[in-house]
C-alpha atoms as a PDB file:
ATOM      1  CA  MET A   1      -3.385 -11.600 -14.852  1.00  0.00           C
ATOM      2  CA  ALA A   2      -0.190 -13.217 -16.146  1.00  0.00           C
ATOM      3  CA  GLY A   3       2.457 -10.751 -17.148  1.00  0.00           C
ATOM      4  CA  GLU A   4       0.859  -7.941 -15.163  1.00  0.00           C
ATOM      5  CA  ALA A   5       4.056  -7.419 -13.198  1.00  0.00           C
ATOM      6  CA  THR A   6       5.825  -6.623 -16.463  1.00  0.00           C
ATOM      7  CA  LEU A   7       3.329  -3.958 -17.486  1.00  0.00           C
ATOM      8  CA  THR A   8       4.396  -0.340 -17.433  1.00  0.00           C
ATOM      9  CA  ALA A   9       2.403   2.853 -17.766  1.00  0.00           C
ATOM     10  CA  TYR A  10       3.277   2.754 -21.464  1.00  0.00           C
ATOM     11  CA  ASP A  11       0.923  -0.214 -21.878  1.00  0.00           C
ATOM     12  CA  PHE A  12      -2.068   2.059 -21.219  1.00  0.00           C
ATOM     13  CA  SER A  13      -3.841   4.618 -23.322  1.00  0.00           C
ATOM     14  CA  PHE A  14      -6.250   7.462 -22.730  1.00  0.00           C
ATOM     15  CA  VAL A  15      -8.224   9.639 -25.111  1.00  0.00           C
ATOM     16  CA  SER A  16      -7.143  13.285 -25.137  1.00  0.00           C
ATOM     17  CA  ILE A  17      -9.534  16.037 -24.117  1.00  0.00           C
ATOM     18  CA  ASN A  18      -9.745  16.824 -27.851  1.00  0.00           C
ATOM     19  CA  GLY A  19     -10.851  13.257 -28.680  1.00  0.00           C
ATOM     20  CA  ALA A  20      -7.577  11.955 -30.167  1.00  0.00           C
ATOM     21  CA  PRO A  21      -5.846   8.781 -28.959  1.00  0.00           C
ATOM     22  CA  LEU A  22      -3.352   9.505 -26.188  1.00  0.00           C
ATOM     23  CA  PRO A  23      -1.203   6.438 -25.507  1.00  0.00           C
ATOM     24  CA  LEU A  24       1.068   6.874 -22.513  1.00  0.00           C
ATOM     25  CA  SER A  25       3.823   5.459 -24.712  1.00  0.00           C
ATOM     26  CA  ASP A  26       3.848   8.931 -26.323  1.00  0.00           C
ATOM     27  CA  PHE A  27       5.671   9.986 -23.147  1.00  0.00           C
ATOM     28  CA  ASP A  28       8.382   7.319 -23.409  1.00  0.00           C
ATOM     29  CA  GLY A  29      11.597   8.756 -21.959  1.00  0.00           C
ATOM     30  CA  LYS A  30       9.801  11.456 -19.976  1.00  0.00           C
ATOM     31  CA  THR A  31       8.959  11.766 -16.300  1.00  0.00           C
ATOM     32  CA  VAL A  32       5.177  12.187 -16.030  1.00  0.00           C
ATOM     33  CA  LEU A  33       2.970  13.399 -13.187  1.00  0.00           C
ATOM     34  CA  ILE A  34      -0.538  12.020 -13.754  1.00  0.00           C
ATOM     35  CA  VAL A  35      -3.174  13.921 -11.777  1.00  0.00           C
ATOM     36  CA  ASN A  36      -6.914  13.310 -11.542  1.00  0.00           C
ATOM     37  CA  THR A  37      -8.467  16.767 -11.694  1.00  0.00           C
ATOM     38  CA  ALA A  38     -11.788  18.518 -11.091  1.00  0.00           C
ATOM     39  CA  SER A  39     -12.951  22.058 -11.815  1.00  0.00           C
ATOM     40  CA  PHE A  40     -15.039  22.643  -8.691  1.00  0.00           C
ATOM     41  CA  CYS A  41     -12.940  21.265  -5.855  1.00  0.00           C
ATOM     42  CA  GLY A  42     -11.171  22.850  -2.911  1.00  0.00           C
ATOM     43  CA  PHE A  43      -7.939  21.690  -4.555  1.00  0.00           C
ATOM     44  CA  THR A  44      -8.746  23.152  -8.000  1.00  0.00           C
ATOM     45  CA  ARG A  45      -6.255  25.958  -7.328  1.00  0.00           C
ATOM     46  CA  GLN A  46      -3.575  23.264  -7.759  1.00  0.00           C
ATOM     47  CA  TYR A  47      -4.067  23.712 -11.510  1.00  0.00           C
ATOM     48  CA  ALA A  48      -1.910  26.867 -11.258  1.00  0.00           C
ATOM     49  CA  ASP A  49       0.825  24.944  -9.448  1.00  0.00           C
ATOM     50  CA  LEU A  50       0.638  22.055 -11.920  1.00  0.00           C
ATOM     51  CA  GLN A  51       1.054  24.500 -14.816  1.00  0.00           C
ATOM     52  CA  SER A  52       4.011  26.105 -13.039  1.00  0.00           C
ATOM     53  CA  LEU A  53       5.597  22.687 -12.447  1.00  0.00           C
ATOM     54  CA  HIS A  54       5.019  21.719 -16.077  1.00  0.00           C
ATOM     55  CA  GLU A  55       6.706  24.900 -17.311  1.00  0.00           C
ATOM     56  CA  ARG A  56       9.589  24.617 -14.831  1.00  0.00           C
ATOM     57  CA  PHE A  57      10.650  21.096 -15.830  1.00  0.00           C
ATOM     58  CA  PHE A  58       9.283  20.647 -19.367  1.00  0.00           C
ATOM     59  CA  GLU A  59      12.619  21.286 -21.085  1.00  0.00           C
ATOM     60  CA  GLN A  60      14.198  18.587 -18.887  1.00  0.00           C
ATOM     61  CA  GLY A  61      11.725  15.947 -20.063  1.00  0.00           C
ATOM     62  CA  PHE A  62       8.854  16.381 -17.609  1.00  0.00           C
ATOM     63  CA  VAL A  63       5.144  16.406 -18.390  1.00  0.00           C
ATOM     64  CA  VAL A  64       1.999  16.894 -16.324  1.00  0.00           C
ATOM     65  CA  LEU A  65      -1.002  14.900 -17.560  1.00  0.00           C
ATOM     66  CA  GLY A  66      -4.377  16.060 -16.265  1.00  0.00           C
ATOM     67  CA  VAL A  67      -7.093  13.411 -16.012  1.00  0.00           C
ATOM     68  CA  PRO A  68     -10.505  14.969 -15.313  1.00  0.00           C
ATOM     69  CA  SER A  69     -12.807  12.833 -13.185  1.00  0.00           C
ATOM     70  CA  ASN A  70     -16.224  13.317 -11.628  1.00  0.00           C
ATOM     71  CA  ASP A  71     -15.716  10.497  -9.107  1.00  0.00           C
ATOM     72  CA  PHE A  72     -15.391  12.614  -5.978  1.00  0.00           C
ATOM     73  CA  GLY A  73     -18.230  14.858  -4.917  1.00  0.00           C
ATOM     74  CA  GLY A  74     -19.491  15.398  -8.476  1.00  0.00           C
ATOM     75  CA  GLN A  75     -16.933  18.191  -8.760  1.00  0.00           C
ATOM     76  CA  GLU A  76     -16.266  17.755 -12.498  1.00  0.00           C
ATOM     77  CA  PRO A  77     -19.754  17.814 -14.022  1.00  0.00           C
ATOM     78  CA  GLY A  78     -18.788  19.455 -17.330  1.00  0.00           C
ATOM     79  CA  ASP A  79     -18.070  17.879 -20.684  1.00  0.00           C
ATOM     80  CA  GLU A  80     -14.620  17.927 -22.276  1.00  0.00           C
ATOM     81  CA  GLY A  81     -15.177  21.273 -24.012  1.00  0.00           C
ATOM     82  CA  GLU A  82     -16.258  22.930 -20.778  1.00  0.00           C
ATOM     83  CA  ILE A  83     -13.355  21.416 -18.846  1.00  0.00           C
ATOM     84  CA  LYS A  84     -10.795  22.491 -21.447  1.00  0.00           C
ATOM     85  CA  SER A  85     -12.191  26.021 -21.616  1.00  0.00           C
ATOM     86  CA  PHE A  86     -12.269  26.341 -17.814  1.00  0.00           C
ATOM     87  CA  CYS A  87      -8.635  25.214 -17.531  1.00  0.00           C
ATOM     88  CA  GLU A  88      -7.346  27.466 -20.303  1.00  0.00           C
ATOM     89  CA  ILE A  89      -9.265  30.586 -19.248  1.00  0.00           C
ATOM     90  CA  ASN A  90      -8.740  30.328 -15.499  1.00  0.00           C
ATOM     91  CA  TYR A  91      -5.297  28.712 -15.273  1.00  0.00           C
ATOM     92  CA  GLY A  92      -3.607  29.008 -18.681  1.00  0.00           C
ATOM     93  CA  ILE A  93      -3.253  25.228 -18.828  1.00  0.00           C
ATOM     94  CA  ASP A  94      -1.255  23.985 -21.801  1.00  0.00           C
ATOM     95  CA  PHE A  95      -0.192  20.584 -20.482  1.00  0.00           C
ATOM     96  CA  PRO A  96      -1.982  17.581 -22.000  1.00  0.00           C
ATOM     97  CA  MET A  97      -5.313  16.489 -20.601  1.00  0.00           C
ATOM     98  CA  THR A  98      -7.462  13.436 -21.168  1.00  0.00           C
ATOM     99  CA  GLU A  99     -11.164  13.009 -21.583  1.00  0.00           C
ATOM    100  CA  LYS A 100     -13.105  12.620 -18.340  1.00  0.00           C
ATOM    101  CA  VAL A 101     -12.677   9.111 -16.885  1.00  0.00           C
ATOM    102  CA  LYS A 102     -13.408   7.117 -13.749  1.00  0.00           C
ATOM    103  CA  VAL A 103     -10.401   6.721 -11.459  1.00  0.00           C
ATOM    104  CA  LYS A 104     -11.938   4.492  -8.783  1.00  0.00           C
ATOM    105  CA  GLY A 105     -14.162   1.461  -8.468  1.00  0.00           C
ATOM    106  CA  SER A 106     -14.851  -1.413 -10.825  1.00  0.00           C
ATOM    107  CA  ASP A 107     -15.236   0.976 -13.782  1.00  0.00           C
ATOM    108  CA  ALA A 108     -11.899   2.725 -13.171  1.00  0.00           C
ATOM    109  CA  HIS A 109      -9.785   3.440 -16.224  1.00  0.00           C
ATOM    110  CA  PRO A 110      -7.318   0.531 -16.710  1.00  0.00           C
ATOM    111  CA  PHE A 111      -4.335   2.756 -15.842  1.00  0.00           C
ATOM    112  CA  TYR A 112      -5.881   3.632 -12.479  1.00  0.00           C
ATOM    113  CA  ALA A 113      -6.796   0.011 -11.749  1.00  0.00           C
ATOM    114  CA  TRP A 114      -3.186  -0.991 -12.528  1.00  0.00           C
ATOM    115  CA  ALA A 115      -1.670   1.864 -10.510  1.00  0.00           C
ATOM    116  CA  SER A 116      -3.799   1.005  -7.491  1.00  0.00           C
ATOM    117  CA  GLU A 117      -2.733  -2.612  -7.746  1.00  0.00           C
ATOM    118  CA  GLN A 118       0.944  -1.708  -8.168  1.00  0.00           C
ATOM    119  CA  LEU A 119       1.200   0.595  -5.172  1.00  0.00           C
ATOM    120  CA  GLY A 120      -1.496  -0.916  -2.962  1.00  0.00           C
ATOM    121  CA  PHE A 121      -4.572   0.239  -1.131  1.00  0.00           C
ATOM    122  CA  VAL A 122      -3.008   3.290   0.527  1.00  0.00           C
ATOM    123  CA  ALA A 123      -1.978   4.733  -2.850  1.00  0.00           C
ATOM    124  CA  LYS A 124      -5.465   4.722  -4.395  1.00  0.00           C
ATOM    125  CA  PRO A 125      -7.015   8.095  -5.218  1.00  0.00           C
ATOM    126  CA  ARG A 126      -9.223   9.178  -2.333  1.00  0.00           C
ATOM    127  CA  TRP A 127     -10.128  12.567  -3.794  1.00  0.00           C
ATOM    128  CA  ASN A 128      -9.427  14.926  -6.691  1.00  0.00           C
ATOM    129  CA  PHE A 129      -5.827  15.957  -7.415  1.00  0.00           C
ATOM    130  CA  HIS A 130      -4.247  12.653  -6.396  1.00  0.00           C
ATOM    131  CA  LYS A 131      -0.871  12.400  -8.146  1.00  0.00           C
ATOM    132  CA  TYR A 132       1.084   9.461  -9.604  1.00  0.00           C
ATOM    133  CA  LEU A 133       4.666   9.870 -10.811  1.00  0.00           C
ATOM    134  CA  ILE A 134       5.879   7.752 -13.728  1.00  0.00           C
ATOM    135  CA  ASN A 135       9.608   7.622 -14.443  1.00  0.00           C
ATOM    136  CA  SER A 136      11.194   7.767 -17.897  1.00  0.00           C
ATOM    137  CA  ASP A 137      10.946   3.963 -18.211  1.00  0.00           C
ATOM    138  CA  GLY A 138       7.189   3.982 -17.618  1.00  0.00           C
ATOM    139  CA  ARG A 139       7.444   2.612 -14.088  1.00  0.00           C
ATOM    140  CA  LEU A 140       5.166   3.926 -11.367  1.00  0.00           C
ATOM    141  CA  VAL A 141       7.612   5.321  -8.798  1.00  0.00           C
ATOM    142  CA  ALA A 142       5.667   7.560  -6.397  1.00  0.00           C
ATOM    143  CA  TRP A 143       2.298   8.914  -5.428  1.00  0.00           C
ATOM    144  CA  PHE A 144       1.183  12.049  -3.616  1.00  0.00           C
ATOM    145  CA  SER A 145      -2.135  12.605  -1.875  1.00  0.00           C
ATOM    146  CA  SER A 146      -4.595  15.298  -2.867  1.00  0.00           C
ATOM    147  CA  PRO A 147      -3.574  17.857  -0.213  1.00  0.00           C
ATOM    148  CA  THR A 148       0.095  17.619  -1.253  1.00  0.00           C
ATOM    149  CA  SER A 149       0.901  20.733  -3.252  1.00  0.00           C
ATOM    150  CA  PRO A 150       2.505  20.118  -6.644  1.00  0.00           C
ATOM    151  CA  LEU A 151       5.096  22.713  -5.580  1.00  0.00           C
ATOM    152  CA  SER A 152       5.876  21.039  -2.256  1.00  0.00           C
ATOM    153  CA  LYS A 153       9.474  20.157  -1.516  1.00  0.00           C
ATOM    154  CA  LYS A 154       8.510  16.460  -1.478  1.00  0.00           C
ATOM    155  CA  VAL A 155       7.057  16.541  -5.012  1.00  0.00           C
ATOM    156  CA  ILE A 156       9.781  18.729  -6.511  1.00  0.00           C
ATOM    157  CA  THR A 157      12.600  16.699  -4.922  1.00  0.00           C
ATOM    158  CA  THR A 158      11.119  13.439  -6.215  1.00  0.00           C
ATOM    159  CA  ILE A 159      10.716  14.846  -9.736  1.00  0.00           C
ATOM    160  CA  GLU A 160      14.267  16.226  -9.714  1.00  0.00           C
ATOM    161  CA  GLN A 161      15.636  12.853  -8.560  1.00  0.00           C
ATOM    162  CA  HIS A 162      13.963  11.057 -11.453  1.00  0.00           C
ATOM    163  CA  LEU A 163      14.987  13.680 -13.998  1.00  0.00           C
ATOM    164  CA  ALA A 164      18.587  13.448 -12.735  1.00  0.00           C
ATOM    165  CA  ALA A 165      18.483   9.644 -12.864  1.00  0.00           C
ATOM    166  CA  LYS A 166      17.399   9.861 -16.499  1.00  0.00           C
ATOM    167  CA  LEU A 167      20.251  12.263 -17.322  1.00  0.00           C
ATOM    168  CA  ASN A 168      22.788  10.017 -15.585  1.00  0.00           C
ATOM    169  CA  SER A 169      21.631   6.736 -17.135  1.00  0.00           C
ATOM    170  CA  PRO A 170      23.558   5.265 -20.067  1.00  0.00           C
ATOM    171  CA  ALA A 171      22.054   6.097 -23.445  1.00  0.00           C
END
């Protein structure tokens, strides 16, 4: 596709878990961790860490975006209302979430198809709680596999580097 190399995350849009449009351009100027989530997965406990990360860096221009998906093991069978309720009741989630989407295969959401193409085969989601980091310019700058804790030194250091780069860039 011509011009694909010039695309950024801001060229893609989701629908929020509440049914409203959620263009990634709404996060222009922010560092965003996009995570495909599931309610009944061995990694579901990462919701607590994602909420903690969101709270820790929100004031500095950081956002977590949860993207529910039922692609791996059928571990997100609920509808949007059930997913939202589960996340709020069990983990106090207040970061934005999208409607449930496909993150792999030929029916993958366009963002996920683009991200997989940008970073290559090894960076494709292989399970729930795969993480992509988008910098404040909308560029895809890192990915973290499902077992990588959102509170790991690797994730936090990478987020801090991109938040610092944003603070140090000319206005």
